[in-house]
Structure formats: C-alpha cells, structure tokens
C-alpha cells in the first residue's frame, strides 16, 4: 500500500459526546478531496468511552483510520507528537 498524501492527526481526550459528529463530518469532507489520506486518532488516556468509540470507528473505516491508545493522560503535545511519529503521509 502506498503512503497517503494527507495525514490528519487528532488528539482525543474525553470526547465521547462529540466523536460521532466528528466522524460524520470529517470522513465525507476528506473523501471529497479526492486524495489518499489517513486519520490518526491519538486517545490521550481518556476516562470515558472515547477509546471504545475510536476502536468502533476503526472497524467502520479501517482503510483510512488508525488509532493510537495511551494508557495515561500525557497531554495534547505528546499526543500530537505520537501522531507525527506514526503518520505515513
């Protein structure tokens, strides 16, 4: 598989209430670009259902979704840096 042209890194911390709206808006917008892409969600030790929702989204769109799970809250900066470390685009 070739590297995507675009990588979107999204740090997540306790966002269970907003993730479904994000998924519903983000993927159609990226699909409309006509570019190859990947979305990397970095769950920063959320204590709510964010990690489970991200895993579910991976099952829906495994072709473009990647999920990194932190066991503890490391902060937004570390979450973004982890995304940069693992992105392919």
Protein backbone atom coordinates (compact mmCIF):
# COMPACT_ATOMS: atom_id res chain seq x y z
CA UNK A 1 0.00 0.00 0.00
CA UNK A 2 1.40 3.40 -0.95
CA UNK A 3 1.74 6.22 1.55
CA UNK A 4 -1.25 8.54 1.80
CA UNK A 5 -0.86 12.08 0.52
CA UNK A 6 -2.52 13.54 3.61
CA UNK A 7 -2.33 12.61 7.29
CA UNK A 8 -4.77 14.13 9.78
CA UNK A 9 -3.74 13.80 13.43
CA UNK A 10 -6.47 14.27 16.03
CA UNK A 11 -5.67 14.15 19.75
CA UNK A 12 -8.63 12.90 21.78
CA UNK A 13 -9.31 13.27 25.49
CA UNK A 14 -12.75 12.54 26.95
CA UNK A 15 -14.60 13.36 23.72
CA UNK A 16 -17.27 10.64 23.73
CA UNK A 17 -20.01 13.24 23.29
CA UNK A 18 -18.51 14.79 20.15
CA UNK A 19 -16.82 11.93 18.31
CA UNK A 20 -19.86 10.76 16.37
CA UNK A 21 -20.37 14.27 14.98
CA UNK A 22 -16.69 14.48 14.12
CA UNK A 23 -16.80 11.15 12.27
CA UNK A 24 -19.95 12.17 10.37
CA UNK A 25 -18.35 15.42 9.16
CA UNK A 26 -14.68 14.51 8.82
CA UNK A 27 -14.77 11.45 6.58
CA UNK A 28 -17.12 12.89 3.93
CA UNK A 29 -15.03 16.08 3.77
CA UNK A 30 -11.81 14.10 3.33
CA UNK A 31 -13.40 11.72 0.81
CA UNK A 32 -14.49 14.74 -1.25
CA UNK A 33 -10.89 15.92 -1.61
CA UNK A 34 -10.11 13.01 -3.89
CA UNK A 35 -6.73 12.47 -2.21
CA UNK A 36 -5.42 9.42 -0.44
CA UNK A 37 -5.48 10.09 3.29
CA UNK A 38 -5.27 8.63 6.75
CA UNK A 39 -6.76 9.82 10.01
CA UNK A 40 -4.75 9.12 13.15
CA UNK A 41 -6.68 9.44 16.38
CA UNK A 42 -4.48 9.55 19.47
CA UNK A 43 -6.51 8.74 22.56
CA UNK A 44 -4.73 10.52 25.40
CA UNK A 45 -5.80 8.32 28.30
CA UNK A 46 -9.50 9.22 28.16
CA UNK A 47 -11.58 8.05 31.11
CA UNK A 48 -14.83 7.98 29.18
CA UNK A 49 -15.84 5.80 26.21
CA UNK A 50 -13.64 7.64 23.70
CA UNK A 51 -11.25 4.70 23.22
CA UNK A 52 -14.12 2.29 22.55
CA UNK A 53 -15.69 4.69 20.04
CA UNK A 54 -12.36 5.08 18.24
CA UNK A 55 -11.99 1.31 18.04
CA UNK A 56 -15.51 1.07 16.60
CA UNK A 57 -14.68 3.73 14.02
CA UNK A 58 -11.58 1.79 13.03
CA UNK A 59 -13.83 -1.19 12.27
CA UNK A 60 -16.05 1.03 10.09
CA UNK A 61 -13.19 2.62 8.09
CA UNK A 62 -10.04 0.50 8.62
CA UNK A 63 -8.68 1.59 5.24
CA UNK A 64 -8.08 5.17 6.40
CA UNK A 65 -8.36 5.09 10.21
CA UNK A 66 -5.54 4.49 12.65
CA UNK A 67 -5.87 4.61 16.42
CA UNK A 68 -3.12 5.09 18.99
CA UNK A 69 -4.11 4.48 22.61
CA UNK A 70 -2.24 5.97 25.58
CA UNK A 71 -2.84 4.31 28.95
CA UNK A 72 -2.47 7.62 30.77
CA UNK A 73 -3.07 11.28 30.00
CA UNK A 74 0.22 12.57 28.61
CA UNK A 75 -1.03 15.90 27.32
CA UNK A 76 -2.04 17.29 23.95
CA UNK A 77 1.54 17.97 22.84
CA UNK A 78 2.63 14.37 23.41
CA UNK A 79 -0.49 13.07 21.66
CA UNK A 80 0.24 15.19 18.60
CA UNK A 81 3.91 14.17 18.60
CA UNK A 82 2.90 10.49 18.73
CA UNK A 83 0.69 11.12 15.73
CA UNK A 84 3.62 12.65 13.83
CA UNK A 85 5.76 9.65 14.74
CA UNK A 86 3.27 7.17 13.29
CA UNK A 87 1.81 9.08 10.35
CA UNK A 88 2.67 7.93 6.85
CA UNK A 89 1.55 10.89 4.76
